[in-house]
Amino acid sequence: LMETKVKARPESGLEKANNYSMNHWNGLTKFLKDPKIP
């Protein structure tokens, strides 16, 4: 995600998809610490 962020054209679909994951990163990684989070 970090490598792609700098390569993606601004406002492109790739940048938007990348931003979604980056903007939600903290919540996306919570599952790693709690097996009850699917």
Full PDB file with SEQRES, HELIX, SHEET, SSBOND, CRYST1, ORIGX, SCALE, CONECT and MASTER records, all heavy atoms in Angstrom:
SEQRES   1 A   38  LEU MET GLU THR LYS VAL LYS ALA ARG PRO GLU SER GLY          
SEQRES   2 A   38  LEU GLU LYS ALA ASN ASN TYR SER MET ASN HIS TRP ASN          
SEQRES   3 A   38  GLY LEU THR LYS PHE LEU LYS ASP PRO LYS ILE PRO              
HELIX    1 AA1 MET A    2  LYS A    7  1                                   6    
HELIX    2 AA2 GLY A   13  ASN A   23  1                                  11    
HELIX    3 AA3 TRP A   25  LEU A   28  1                                   4    
HELIX    4 AA4 LYS A   30  LEU A   32  5                                   3    
CRYST1    1.000    1.000    1.000  90.00  90.00  90.00 P 1           1          
ORIGX1      1.000000  0.000000  0.000000        0.00000                         
ORIGX2      0.000000  1.000000  0.000000        0.00000                         
ORIGX3      0.000000  0.000000  1.000000        0.00000                         
SCALE1      1.000000  0.000000  0.000000        0.00000                         
SCALE2      0.000000  1.000000  0.000000        0.00000                         
SCALE3      0.000000  0.000000  1.000000        0.00000                         
ATOM      1  N   LEU A   1       0.827  -1.207   0.000  1.00  0.00           N  
ATOM      2  CA  LEU A   1       0.000   0.000   0.000  1.00  0.00           C  
ATOM      3  C   LEU A   1       0.863   1.259   0.000  1.00  0.00           C  
ATOM      4  O   LEU A   1       0.584   2.212  -0.732  1.00  0.00           O  
ATOM      5  CB  LEU A   1      -0.935   0.014   1.216  1.00  0.00           C  
ATOM      6  CG  LEU A   1      -2.062  -1.021   1.211  1.00  0.00           C  
ATOM      7  CD1 LEU A   1      -2.711  -1.094   2.596  1.00  0.00           C  
ATOM      8  CD2 LEU A   1      -3.092  -0.707   0.142  1.00  0.00           C  
ATOM      9  N   MET A   2       1.914   1.255   0.790  1.00  0.00           N  
ATOM     10  CA  MET A   2       2.775   2.436   0.868  1.00  0.00           C  
ATOM     11  C   MET A   2       3.539   2.657  -0.438  1.00  0.00           C  
ATOM     12  O   MET A   2       3.670   3.782  -0.905  1.00  0.00           O  
ATOM     13  CB  MET A   2       3.705   2.321   2.065  1.00  0.00           C  
ATOM     14  CG  MET A   2       2.912   2.384   3.376  1.00  0.00           C  
ATOM     15  SD  MET A   2       3.882   2.206   4.855  1.00  0.00           S  
ATOM     16  CE  MET A   2       4.619   3.812   4.935  1.00  0.00           C  
ATOM     17  N   GLU A   3       4.020   1.577  -1.034  1.00  0.00           N  
ATOM     18  CA  GLU A   3       4.722   1.684  -2.319  1.00  0.00           C  
ATOM     19  C   GLU A   3       3.776   2.151  -3.420  1.00  0.00           C  
ATOM     20  O   GLU A   3       4.127   2.978  -4.257  1.00  0.00           O  
ATOM     21  CB  GLU A   3       5.334   0.330  -2.709  1.00  0.00           C  
ATOM     22  CG  GLU A   3       6.526  -0.059  -1.890  1.00  0.00           C  
ATOM     23  CD  GLU A   3       6.992  -1.480  -2.195  1.00  0.00           C  
ATOM     24  OE1 GLU A   3       6.575  -2.075  -3.219  1.00  0.00           O  
ATOM     25  OE2 GLU A   3       7.789  -2.007  -1.385  1.00  0.00           O  
ATOM     26  N   THR A   4       2.577   1.606  -3.431  1.00  0.00           N  
ATOM     27  CA  THR A   4       1.598   1.936  -4.463  1.00  0.00           C  
ATOM     28  C   THR A   4       1.084   3.357  -4.300  1.00  0.00           C  
ATOM     29  O   THR A   4       0.799   4.029  -5.289  1.00  0.00           O  
ATOM     30  CB  THR A   4       0.438   0.920  -4.435  1.00  0.00           C  
ATOM     31  OG1 THR A   4       0.984  -0.383  -4.589  1.00  0.00           O  
ATOM     32  CG2 THR A   4      -0.560   1.181  -5.539  1.00  0.00           C  
ATOM     33  N   LYS A   5       0.984   3.816  -3.079  1.00  0.00           N  
ATOM     34  CA  LYS A   5       0.490   5.171  -2.806  1.00  0.00           C  
ATOM     35  C   LYS A   5       1.297   6.210  -3.576  1.00  0.00           C  
ATOM     36  O   LYS A   5       0.735   7.123  -4.164  1.00  0.00           O  
ATOM     37  CB  LYS A   5       0.555   5.441  -1.293  1.00  0.00           C  
ATOM     38  CG  LYS A   5       0.201   6.836  -0.892  1.00  0.00           C  
ATOM     39  CD  LYS A   5      -1.278   6.955  -0.713  1.00  0.00           C  
ATOM     40  CE  LYS A   5      -1.630   8.323  -0.155  1.00  0.00           C  
ATOM     41  NZ  LYS A   5      -2.802   8.866  -0.772  1.00  0.00           N  
ATOM     42  N   VAL A   6       2.602   6.064  -3.592  1.00  0.00           N  
ATOM     43  CA  VAL A   6       3.444   7.058  -4.271  1.00  0.00           C  
ATOM     44  C   VAL A   6       3.423   6.892  -5.789  1.00  0.00           C  
ATOM     45  O   VAL A   6       3.718   7.838  -6.514  1.00  0.00           O  
ATOM     46  CB  VAL A   6       4.901   7.045  -3.745  1.00  0.00           C  
ATOM     47  CG1 VAL A   6       4.946   7.448  -2.288  1.00  0.00           C  
ATOM     48  CG2 VAL A   6       5.568   5.704  -3.947  1.00  0.00           C  
ATOM     49  N   LYS A   7       3.053   5.710  -6.272  1.00  0.00           N  
ATOM     50  CA  LYS A   7       3.013   5.453  -7.715  1.00  0.00           C  
ATOM     51  C   LYS A   7       1.671   5.798  -8.361  1.00  0.00           C  
ATOM     52  O   LYS A   7       1.604   6.078  -9.549  1.00  0.00           O  
ATOM     53  CB  LYS A   7       3.316   3.979  -8.004  1.00  0.00           C  
ATOM     54  CG  LYS A   7       4.701   3.537  -7.617  1.00  0.00           C  
ATOM     55  CD  LYS A   7       4.832   2.042  -7.873  1.00  0.00           C  
ATOM     56  CE  LYS A   7       6.118   1.489  -7.336  1.00  0.00           C  
ATOM     57  NZ  LYS A   7       6.175   0.033  -7.484  1.00  0.00           N  
ATOM     58  N   ALA A   8       0.606   5.736  -7.580  1.00  0.00           N  
ATOM     59  CA  ALA A   8      -0.747   5.915  -8.131  1.00  0.00           C  
ATOM     60  C   ALA A   8      -0.991   7.359  -8.541  1.00  0.00           C  
ATOM     61  O   ALA A   8      -0.591   8.289  -7.838  1.00  0.00           O  
ATOM     62  CB  ALA A   8      -1.791   5.481  -7.109  1.00  0.00           C  
ATOM     63  N   ARG A   9      -1.634   7.531  -9.679  1.00  0.00           N  
ATOM     64  CA  ARG A   9      -2.012   8.880 -10.122  1.00  0.00           C  
ATOM     65  C   ARG A   9      -3.053   9.450  -9.175  1.00  0.00           C  
ATOM     66  O   ARG A   9      -3.967   8.746  -8.740  1.00  0.00           O  
ATOM     67  CB  ARG A   9      -2.597   8.839 -11.535  1.00  0.00           C  
ATOM     68  CG  ARG A   9      -1.591   8.567 -12.623  1.00  0.00           C  
ATOM     69  CD  ARG A   9      -2.159   8.739 -14.039  1.00  0.00           C  
ATOM     70  NE  ARG A   9      -3.596   8.647 -14.178  1.00  0.00           N  
ATOM     71  CZ  ARG A   9      -4.263   7.523 -14.434  1.00  0.00           C  
ATOM     72  NH1 ARG A   9      -3.619   6.382 -14.553  1.00  0.00           N  
ATOM     73  NH2 ARG A   9      -5.571   7.537 -14.576  1.00  0.00           N  
ATOM     74  N   PRO A  10      -2.952  10.733  -8.877  1.00  0.00           N  
ATOM     75  CA  PRO A  10      -3.964  11.363  -8.013  1.00  0.00           C  
ATOM     76  C   PRO A  10      -5.370  11.198  -8.598  1.00  0.00           C  
ATOM     77  O   PRO A  10      -5.557  11.281  -9.811  1.00  0.00           O  
ATOM     78  CB  PRO A  10      -3.543  12.837  -7.992  1.00  0.00           C  
ATOM     79  CG  PRO A  10      -2.089  12.823  -8.325  1.00  0.00           C  
ATOM     80  CD  PRO A  10      -1.890  11.657  -9.265  1.00  0.00           C  
ATOM     81  N   GLU A  11      -6.311  10.930  -7.734  1.00  0.00           N  
ATOM     82  CA  GLU A  11      -7.728  10.779  -8.095  1.00  0.00           C  
ATOM     83  C   GLU A  11      -8.021   9.544  -8.938  1.00  0.00           C  
ATOM     84  O   GLU A  11      -9.131   9.388  -9.442  1.00  0.00           O  
ATOM     85  CB  GLU A  11      -8.256  12.033  -8.813  1.00  0.00           C  
ATOM     86  CG  GLU A  11      -8.114  13.313  -8.026  1.00  0.00           C  
ATOM     87  CD  GLU A  11      -8.896  13.296  -6.719  1.00  0.00           C  
ATOM     88  OE1 GLU A  11     -10.043  12.826  -6.708  1.00  0.00           O  
ATOM     89  OE2 GLU A  11      -8.337  13.738  -5.708  1.00  0.00           O  
ATOM     90  N   SER A  12      -7.036   8.660  -9.127  1.00  0.00           N  
ATOM     91  CA  SER A  12      -7.273   7.445  -9.914  1.00  0.00           C  
ATOM     92  C   SER A  12      -8.008   6.418  -9.062  1.00  0.00           C  
ATOM     93  O   SER A  12      -8.048   6.498  -7.826  1.00  0.00           O  
ATOM     94  CB  SER A  12      -5.939   6.860 -10.386  1.00  0.00           C  
ATOM     95  OG  SER A  12      -5.185   6.379  -9.285  1.00  0.00           O  
ATOM     96  N   GLY A  13      -8.559   5.429  -9.724  1.00  0.00           N  
ATOM     97  CA  GLY A  13      -9.213   4.337  -9.017  1.00  0.00           C  
ATOM     98  C   GLY A  13      -8.238   3.610  -8.100  1.00  0.00           C  
ATOM     99  O   GLY A  13      -8.599   3.198  -6.993  1.00  0.00           O  
ATOM    100  N   LEU A  14      -7.000   3.489  -8.549  1.00  0.00           N  
ATOM    101  CA  LEU A  14      -5.981   2.823  -7.747  1.00  0.00           C  
ATOM    102  C   LEU A  14      -5.694   3.623  -6.475  1.00  0.00           C  
ATOM    103  O   LEU A  14      -5.588   3.053  -5.385  1.00  0.00           O  
ATOM    104  CB  LEU A  14      -4.704   2.629  -8.567  1.00  0.00           C  
ATOM    105  CG  LEU A  14      -3.577   1.844  -7.897  1.00  0.00           C  
ATOM    106  CD1 LEU A  14      -4.043   0.460  -7.476  1.00  0.00           C  
ATOM    107  CD2 LEU A  14      -2.380   1.751  -8.840  1.00  0.00           C  
ATOM    108  N   GLU A  15      -5.603   4.921  -6.593  1.00  0.00           N  
ATOM    109  CA  GLU A  15      -5.370   5.744  -5.406  1.00  0.00           C  
ATOM    110  C   GLU A  15      -6.556   5.652  -4.441  1.00  0.00           C  
ATOM    111  O   GLU A  15      -6.379   5.540  -3.228  1.00  0.00           O  
ATOM    112  CB  GLU A  15      -5.118   7.206  -5.769  1.00  0.00           C  
ATOM    113  CG  GLU A  15      -4.805   8.032  -4.523  1.00  0.00           C  
ATOM    114  CD  GLU A  15      -4.728   9.518  -4.759  1.00  0.00           C  
ATOM    115  OE1 GLU A  15      -5.694  10.088  -5.296  1.00  0.00           O  
ATOM    116  OE2 GLU A  15      -3.710  10.100  -4.369  1.00  0.00           O  
ATOM    117  N   LYS A  16      -7.760   5.677  -4.975  1.00  0.00           N  
ATOM    118  CA  LYS A  16      -8.954   5.603  -4.112  1.00  0.00           C  
ATOM    119  C   LYS A  16      -9.026   4.263  -3.378  1.00  0.00           C  
ATOM    120  O   LYS A  16      -9.340   4.226  -2.182  1.00  0.00           O  
ATOM    121  CB  LYS A  16     -10.216   5.844  -4.934  1.00  0.00           C  
ATOM    122  CG  LYS A  16     -10.333   7.282  -5.390  1.00  0.00           C  
ATOM    123  CD  LYS A  16     -11.518   7.488  -6.300  1.00  0.00           C  
ATOM    124  CE  LYS A  16     -11.543   8.937  -6.793  1.00  0.00           C  
ATOM    125  NZ  LYS A  16     -12.582   9.172  -7.773  1.00  0.00           N  
ATOM    126  N   ALA A  17      -8.740   3.174  -4.072  1.00  0.00           N  
ATOM    127  CA  ALA A  17      -8.743   1.852  -3.432  1.00  0.00           C  
ATOM    128  C   ALA A  17      -7.666   1.790  -2.351  1.00  0.00           C  
ATOM    129  O   ALA A  17      -7.901   1.296  -1.244  1.00  0.00           O  
ATOM    130  CB  ALA A  17      -8.528   0.756  -4.473  1.00  0.00           C  
ATOM    131  N   ASN A  18      -6.506   2.305  -2.684  1.00  0.00           N  
ATOM    132  CA  ASN A  18      -5.396   2.332  -1.743  1.00  0.00           C  
ATOM    133  C   ASN A  18      -5.751   3.170  -0.516  1.00  0.00           C  
ATOM    134  O   ASN A  18      -5.536   2.748   0.621  1.00  0.00           O  
ATOM    135  CB  ASN A  18      -4.159   2.891  -2.456  1.00  0.00           C  
ATOM    136  CG  ASN A  18      -2.903   2.728  -1.641  1.00  0.00           C  
ATOM    137  OD1 ASN A  18      -2.809   3.246  -0.536  1.00  0.00           O  
ATOM    138  ND2 ASN A  18      -1.933   2.035  -2.195  1.00  0.00           N  
ATOM    139  N   ASN A  19      -6.325   4.343  -0.739  1.00  0.00           N  
ATOM    140  CA  ASN A  19      -6.690   5.230   0.370  1.00  0.00           C  
ATOM    141  C   ASN A  19      -7.708   4.586   1.303  1.00  0.00           C  
ATOM    142  O   ASN A  19      -7.652   4.792   2.514  1.00  0.00           O  
ATOM    143  CB  ASN A  19      -7.245   6.561  -0.150  1.00  0.00           C  
ATOM    144  CG  ASN A  19      -6.152   7.468  -0.665  1.00  0.00           C  
ATOM    145  OD1 ASN A  19      -4.965   7.266  -0.413  1.00  0.00           O  
ATOM    146  ND2 ASN A  19      -6.554   8.479  -1.416  1.00  0.00           N  
ATOM    147  N   TYR A  20      -8.641   3.820   0.746  1.00  0.00           N  
ATOM    148  CA  TYR A  20      -9.629   3.151   1.589  1.00  0.00           C  
ATOM    149  C   TYR A  20      -8.922   2.284   2.630  1.00  0.00           C  
ATOM    150  O   TYR A  20      -9.211   2.353   3.829  1.00  0.00           O  
ATOM    151  CB  TYR A  20     -10.589   2.305   0.745  1.00  0.00           C  
ATOM    152  CG  TYR A  20     -11.606   1.576   1.592  1.00  0.00           C  
ATOM    153  CD1 TYR A  20     -12.810   2.181   1.920  1.00  0.00           C  
ATOM    154  CD2 TYR A  20     -11.358   0.305   2.088  1.00  0.00           C  
ATOM    155  CE1 TYR A  20     -13.746   1.534   2.717  1.00  0.00           C  
ATOM    156  CE2 TYR A  20     -12.282  -0.355   2.889  1.00  0.00           C  
ATOM    157  CZ  TYR A  20     -13.473   0.266   3.193  1.00  0.00           C  
ATOM    158  OH  TYR A  20     -14.384  -0.384   3.993  1.00  0.00           O  
ATOM    159  N   SER A  21      -7.992   1.450   2.162  1.00  0.00           N  
ATOM    160  CA  SER A  21      -7.286   0.565   3.100  1.00  0.00           C  
ATOM    161  C   SER A  21      -6.401   1.348   4.056  1.00  0.00           C  
ATOM    162  O   SER A  21      -6.367   1.055   5.258  1.00  0.00           O  
ATOM    163  CB  SER A  21      -6.437  -0.456   2.332  1.00  0.00           C  
ATOM    164  OG  SER A  21      -7.275  -1.355   1.651  1.00  0.00           O  
ATOM    165  N   MET A  22      -5.706   2.334   3.549  1.00  0.00           N  
ATOM    166  CA  MET A  22      -4.824   3.128   4.421  1.00  0.00           C  
ATOM    167  C   MET A  22      -5.644   3.884   5.474  1.00  0.00           C  
ATOM    168  O   MET A  22      -5.253   3.933   6.639  1.00  0.00           O  
ATOM    169  CB  MET A  22      -3.992   4.099   3.598  1.00  0.00           C  
ATOM    170  CG  MET A  22      -2.994   3.439   2.672  1.00  0.00           C  
ATOM    171  SD  MET A  22      -1.674   2.549   3.510  1.00  0.00           S  
ATOM    172  CE  MET A  22      -0.649   3.900   4.017  1.00  0.00           C  
ATOM    173  N   ASN A  23      -6.773   4.447   5.076  1.00  0.00           N  
ATOM    174  CA  ASN A  23      -7.599   5.214   6.011  1.00  0.00           C  
ATOM    175  C   ASN A  23      -8.269   4.339   7.065  1.00  0.00           C  
ATOM    176  O   ASN A  23      -8.673   4.832   8.115  1.00  0.00           O  
ATOM    177  CB  ASN A  23      -8.668   6.012   5.259  1.00  0.00           C  
ATOM    178  CG  ASN A  23      -8.069   7.128   4.433  1.00  0.00           C  
ATOM    179  OD1 ASN A  23      -6.949   7.570   4.675  1.00  0.00           O  
ATOM    180  ND2 ASN A  23      -8.795   7.562   3.432  1.00  0.00           N  
ATOM    181  N   HIS A  24      -8.411   3.049   6.775  1.00  0.00           N  
ATOM    182  CA  HIS A  24      -9.052   2.123   7.705  1.00  0.00           C  
ATOM    183  C   HIS A  24      -8.049   1.151   8.332  1.00  0.00           C  
ATOM    184  O   HIS A  24      -8.445   0.169   8.963  1.00  0.00           O  
ATOM    185  CB  HIS A  24     -10.159   1.343   6.982  1.00  0.00           C  
ATOM    186  CG  HIS A  24     -11.310   2.200   6.573  1.00  0.00           C  
ATOM    187  ND1 HIS A  24     -11.338   2.843   5.367  1.00  0.00           N  
ATOM    188  CD2 HIS A  24     -12.437   2.553   7.226  1.00  0.00           C  
ATOM    189  CE1 HIS A  24     -12.450   3.551   5.281  1.00  0.00           C  
ATOM    190  NE2 HIS A  24     -13.132   3.397   6.402  1.00  0.00           N  
ATOM    191  N   TRP A  25      -6.775   1.415   8.169  1.00  0.00           N  
ATOM    192  CA  TRP A  25      -5.730   0.476   8.548  1.00  0.00           C  
ATOM    193  C   TRP A  25      -5.813   0.035  10.012  1.00  0.00           C  
ATOM    194  O   TRP A  25      -5.721  -1.151  10.315  1.00  0.00           O  
ATOM    195  CB  TRP A  25      -4.342   1.046   8.250  1.00  0.00           C  
ATOM    196  CG  TRP A  25      -3.294   0.005   8.414  1.00  0.00           C  
ATOM    197  CD1 TRP A  25      -2.380  -0.100   9.419  1.00  0.00           C  
ATOM    198  CD2 TRP A  25      -3.077  -1.117   7.559  1.00  0.00           C  
ATOM    199  NE1 TRP A  25      -1.610  -1.218   9.246  1.00  0.00           N  
ATOM    200  CE2 TRP A  25      -2.012  -1.858   8.096  1.00  0.00           C  
ATOM    201  CE3 TRP A  25      -3.681  -1.571   6.382  1.00  0.00           C  
ATOM    202  CZ2 TRP A  25      -1.532  -3.024   7.514  1.00  0.00           C  
ATOM    203  CZ3 TRP A  25      -3.201  -2.727   5.792  1.00  0.00           C  
ATOM    204  CH2 TRP A  25      -2.141  -3.442   6.365  1.00  0.00           C  
ATOM    205  N   ASN A  26      -5.962   0.963  10.905  1.00  0.00           N  
ATOM    206  CA  ASN A  26      -6.007   0.612  12.320  1.00  0.00           C  
ATOM    207  C   ASN A  26      -7.116  -0.409  12.597  1.00  0.00           C  
ATOM    208  O   ASN A  26      -6.895  -1.408  13.275  1.00  0.00           O  
ATOM    209  CB  ASN A  26      -6.189   1.871  13.184  1.00  0.00           C  
ATOM    210  CG  ASN A  26      -6.044   1.581  14.653  1.00  0.00           C  
ATOM    211  OD1 ASN A  26      -5.187   0.806  15.073  1.00  0.00           O  
ATOM    212  ND2 ASN A  26      -6.887   2.206  15.450  1.00  0.00           N  
ATOM    213  N   GLY A  27      -8.290  -0.175  12.039  1.00  0.00           N  
ATOM    214  CA  GLY A  27      -9.410  -1.108  12.237  1.00  0.00           C  
ATOM    215  C   GLY A  27      -9.256  -2.400  11.459  1.00  0.00           C  
ATOM    216  O   GLY A  27      -9.738  -3.448  11.888  1.00  0.00           O  
ATOM    217  N   LEU A  28      -8.575  -2.356  10.306  1.00  0.00           N  
ATOM    218  CA  LEU A  28      -8.350  -3.567   9.529  1.00  0.00           C  
ATOM    219  C   LEU A  28      -7.404  -4.529  10.249  1.00  0.00           C  
ATOM    220  O   LEU A  28      -7.489  -5.740  10.058  1.00  0.00           O  
ATOM    221  CB  LEU A  28      -7.771  -3.228   8.150  1.00  0.00           C  
ATOM    222  CG  LEU A  28      -8.744  -2.703   7.109  1.00  0.00           C  
ATOM    223  CD1 LEU A  28      -8.001  -2.156   5.895  1.00  0.00           C  
ATOM    224  CD2 LEU A  28      -9.738  -3.778   6.688  1.00  0.00           C  
ATOM    225  N   THR A  29      -6.514  -4.000  11.076  1.00  0.00           N  
ATOM    226  CA  THR A  29      -5.513  -4.853  11.717  1.00  0.00           C  
ATOM    227  C   THR A  29      -5.892  -5.295  13.131  1.00  0.00           C  
ATOM    228  O   THR A  29      -5.169  -6.068  13.748  1.00  0.00           O  
ATOM    229  CB  THR A  29      -4.152  -4.133  11.755  1.00  0.00           C  
ATOM    230  OG1 THR A  29      -4.285  -2.888  12.432  1.00  0.00           O  
ATOM    231  CG2 THR A  29      -3.627  -3.907  10.343  1.00  0.00           C  
ATOM    232  N   LYS A  30      -7.021  -4.872  13.643  1.00  0.00           N  
ATOM    233  CA  LYS A  30      -7.447  -5.260  15.001  1.00  0.00           C  
ATOM    234  C   LYS A  30      -7.637  -6.772  15.125  1.00  0.00           C  
ATOM    235  O   LYS A  30      -7.457  -7.337  16.192  1.00  0.00           O  
ATOM    236  CB  LYS A  30      -8.758  -4.565  15.375  1.00  0.00           C  
ATOM    237  CG  LYS A  30      -8.639  -3.076  15.441  1.00  0.00           C  
ATOM    238  CD  LYS A  30      -8.627  -2.593  16.826  1.00  0.00           C  
ATOM    239  CE  LYS A  30      -8.757  -1.106  16.751  1.00  0.00           C  
ATOM    240  NZ  LYS A  30      -8.188  -0.286  17.587  1.00  0.00           N  
ATOM    241  N   PHE A  31      -8.008  -7.436  14.048  1.00  0.00           N  
ATOM    242  CA  PHE A  31      -8.240  -8.884  14.091  1.00  0.00           C  
ATOM    243  C   PHE A  31      -6.997  -9.652  14.516  1.00  0.00           C  
ATOM    244  O   PHE A  31      -7.082 -10.746  15.069  1.00  0.00           O  
ATOM    245  CB  PHE A  31      -8.759  -9.390  12.738  1.00  0.00           C  
ATOM    246  CG  PHE A  31      -7.679  -9.654  11.719  1.00  0.00           C  
ATOM    247  CD1 PHE A  31      -7.251 -10.951  11.457  1.00  0.00           C  
ATOM    248  CD2 PHE A  31      -7.088  -8.609  11.020  1.00  0.00           C  
ATOM    249  CE1 PHE A  31      -6.253 -11.203  10.521  1.00  0.00           C  
ATOM    250  CE2 PHE A  31      -6.105  -8.846  10.082  1.00  0.00           C  
ATOM    251  CZ  PHE A  31      -5.682 -10.146   9.833  1.00  0.00           C  
ATOM    252  N   LEU A  32      -5.826  -9.081  14.278  1.00  0.00           N  
ATOM    253  CA  LEU A  32      -4.579  -9.769  14.604  1.00  0.00           C  
ATOM    254  C   LEU A  32      -4.416 -10.009  16.110  1.00  0.00           C  
ATOM    255  O   LEU A  32      -3.779 -10.968  16.521  1.00  0.00           O  
ATOM    256  CB  LEU A  32      -3.369  -8.980  14.088  1.00  0.00           C  
ATOM    257  CG  LEU A  32      -3.227  -8.903  12.573  1.00  0.00           C  
ATOM    258  CD1 LEU A  32      -2.153  -7.905  12.192  1.00  0.00           C  
ATOM    259  CD2 LEU A  32      -2.960 -10.277  11.975  1.00  0.00           C  
ATOM    260  N   LYS A  33      -4.997  -9.157  16.911  1.00  0.00           N  
ATOM    261  CA  LYS A  33      -4.852  -9.240  18.369  1.00  0.00           C  
ATOM    262  C   LYS A  33      -6.039  -9.894  19.072  1.00  0.00           C  
ATOM    263  O   LYS A  33      -5.952 -10.206  20.247  1.00  0.00           O  
ATOM    264  CB  LYS A  33      -4.639  -7.839  18.954  1.00  0.00           C  
ATOM    265  CG  LYS A  33      -3.439  -7.109  18.404  1.00  0.00           C  
ATOM    266  CD  LYS A  33      -2.166  -7.703  18.933  1.00  0.00           C  
ATOM    267  CE  LYS A  33      -0.972  -6.904  18.428  1.00  0.00           C  
ATOM    268  NZ  LYS A  33       0.198  -7.692  18.295  1.00  0.00           N  
ATOM    269  N   ASP A  34      -7.141 -10.046  18.369  1.00  0.00           N  
ATOM    270  CA  ASP A  34      -8.347 -10.593  19.006  1.00  0.00           C  
ATOM    271  C   ASP A  34      -8.971 -11.646  18.097  1.00  0.00           C  
ATOM    272  O   ASP A  34      -9.582 -11.315  17.074  1.00  0.00           O  
ATOM    273  CB  ASP A  34      -9.348  -9.466  19.281  1.00  0.00           C  
ATOM    274  CG  ASP A  34     -10.570  -9.930  20.051  1.00  0.00           C  
ATOM    275  OD1 ASP A  34     -10.802 -11.156  20.171  1.00  0.00           O  
ATOM    276  OD2 ASP A  34     -11.317  -9.058  20.529  1.00  0.00           O  
ATOM    277  N   PRO A  35      -8.854 -12.922  18.472  1.00  0.00           N  
ATOM    278  CA  PRO A  35      -9.381 -13.978  17.601  1.00  0.00           C  
ATOM    279  C   PRO A  35     -10.900 -13.964  17.471  1.00  0.00           C  
ATOM    280  O   PRO A  35     -11.446 -14.610  16.587  1.00  0.00           O  
ATOM    281  CB  PRO A  35      -8.907 -15.271  18.277  1.00  0.00           C  
ATOM    282  CG  PRO A  35      -8.692 -14.902  19.696  1.00  0.00           C  
ATOM    283  CD  PRO A  35      -8.256 -13.456  19.690  1.00  0.00           C  
ATOM    284  N   LYS A  36     -11.586 -13.194  18.315  1.00  0.00           N  
ATOM    285  CA  LYS A  36     -13.044 -13.129  18.216  1.00  0.00           C  
ATOM    286  C   LYS A  36     -13.497 -12.098  17.178  1.00  0.00           C  
ATOM    287  O   LYS A  36     -14.679 -12.037  16.858  1.00  0.00           O  
ATOM    288  CB  LYS A  36     -13.645 -12.841  19.587  1.00  0.00           C  
ATOM    289  CG  LYS A  36     -13.439 -14.018  20.518  1.00  0.00           C  
ATOM    290  CD  LYS A  36     -14.059 -13.812  21.853  1.00  0.00           C  
ATOM    291  CE  LYS A  36     -13.772 -15.044  22.701  1.00  0.00           C  
ATOM    292  NZ  LYS A  36     -13.919 -14.787  24.098  1.00  0.00           N  
ATOM    293  N   ILE A  37     -12.566 -11.303  16.671  1.00  0.00           N  
ATOM    294  CA  ILE A  37     -12.900 -10.368  15.593  1.00  0.00           C  
ATOM    295  C   ILE A  37     -12.723 -11.108  14.274  1.00  0.00           C  
ATOM    296  O   ILE A  37     -11.622 -11.544  13.947  1.00  0.00           O  
ATOM    297  CB  ILE A  37     -12.001  -9.113  15.621  1.00  0.00           C  
ATOM    298  CG1 ILE A  37     -12.204  -8.327  16.920  1.00  0.00           C  
ATOM    299  CG2 ILE A  37     -12.274  -8.226  14.397  1.00  0.00           C  
ATOM    300  CD1 ILE A  37     -11.260  -7.145  17.100  1.00  0.00           C  
ATOM    301  N   PRO A  38     -13.792 -11.275  13.518  1.00  0.00           N  
ATOM    302  CA  PRO A  38     -13.663 -11.968  12.233  1.00  0.00           C  
ATOM    303  C   PRO A  38     -12.883 -11.132  11.223  1.00  0.00           C  
ATOM    304  O   PRO A  38     -12.769  -9.915  11.351  1.00  0.00           O  
ATOM    305  CB  PRO A  38     -15.104 -12.162  11.776  1.00  0.00           C  
ATOM    306  CG  PRO A  38     -15.966 -11.395  12.693  1.00  0.00           C  
ATOM    307  CD  PRO A  38     -15.153 -10.879  13.817  1.00  0.00           C  
TER     308      PRO A  38                                                      
MASTER        0    0    0    4    0    0    0    6  307    1    0    3          
END                                                                             
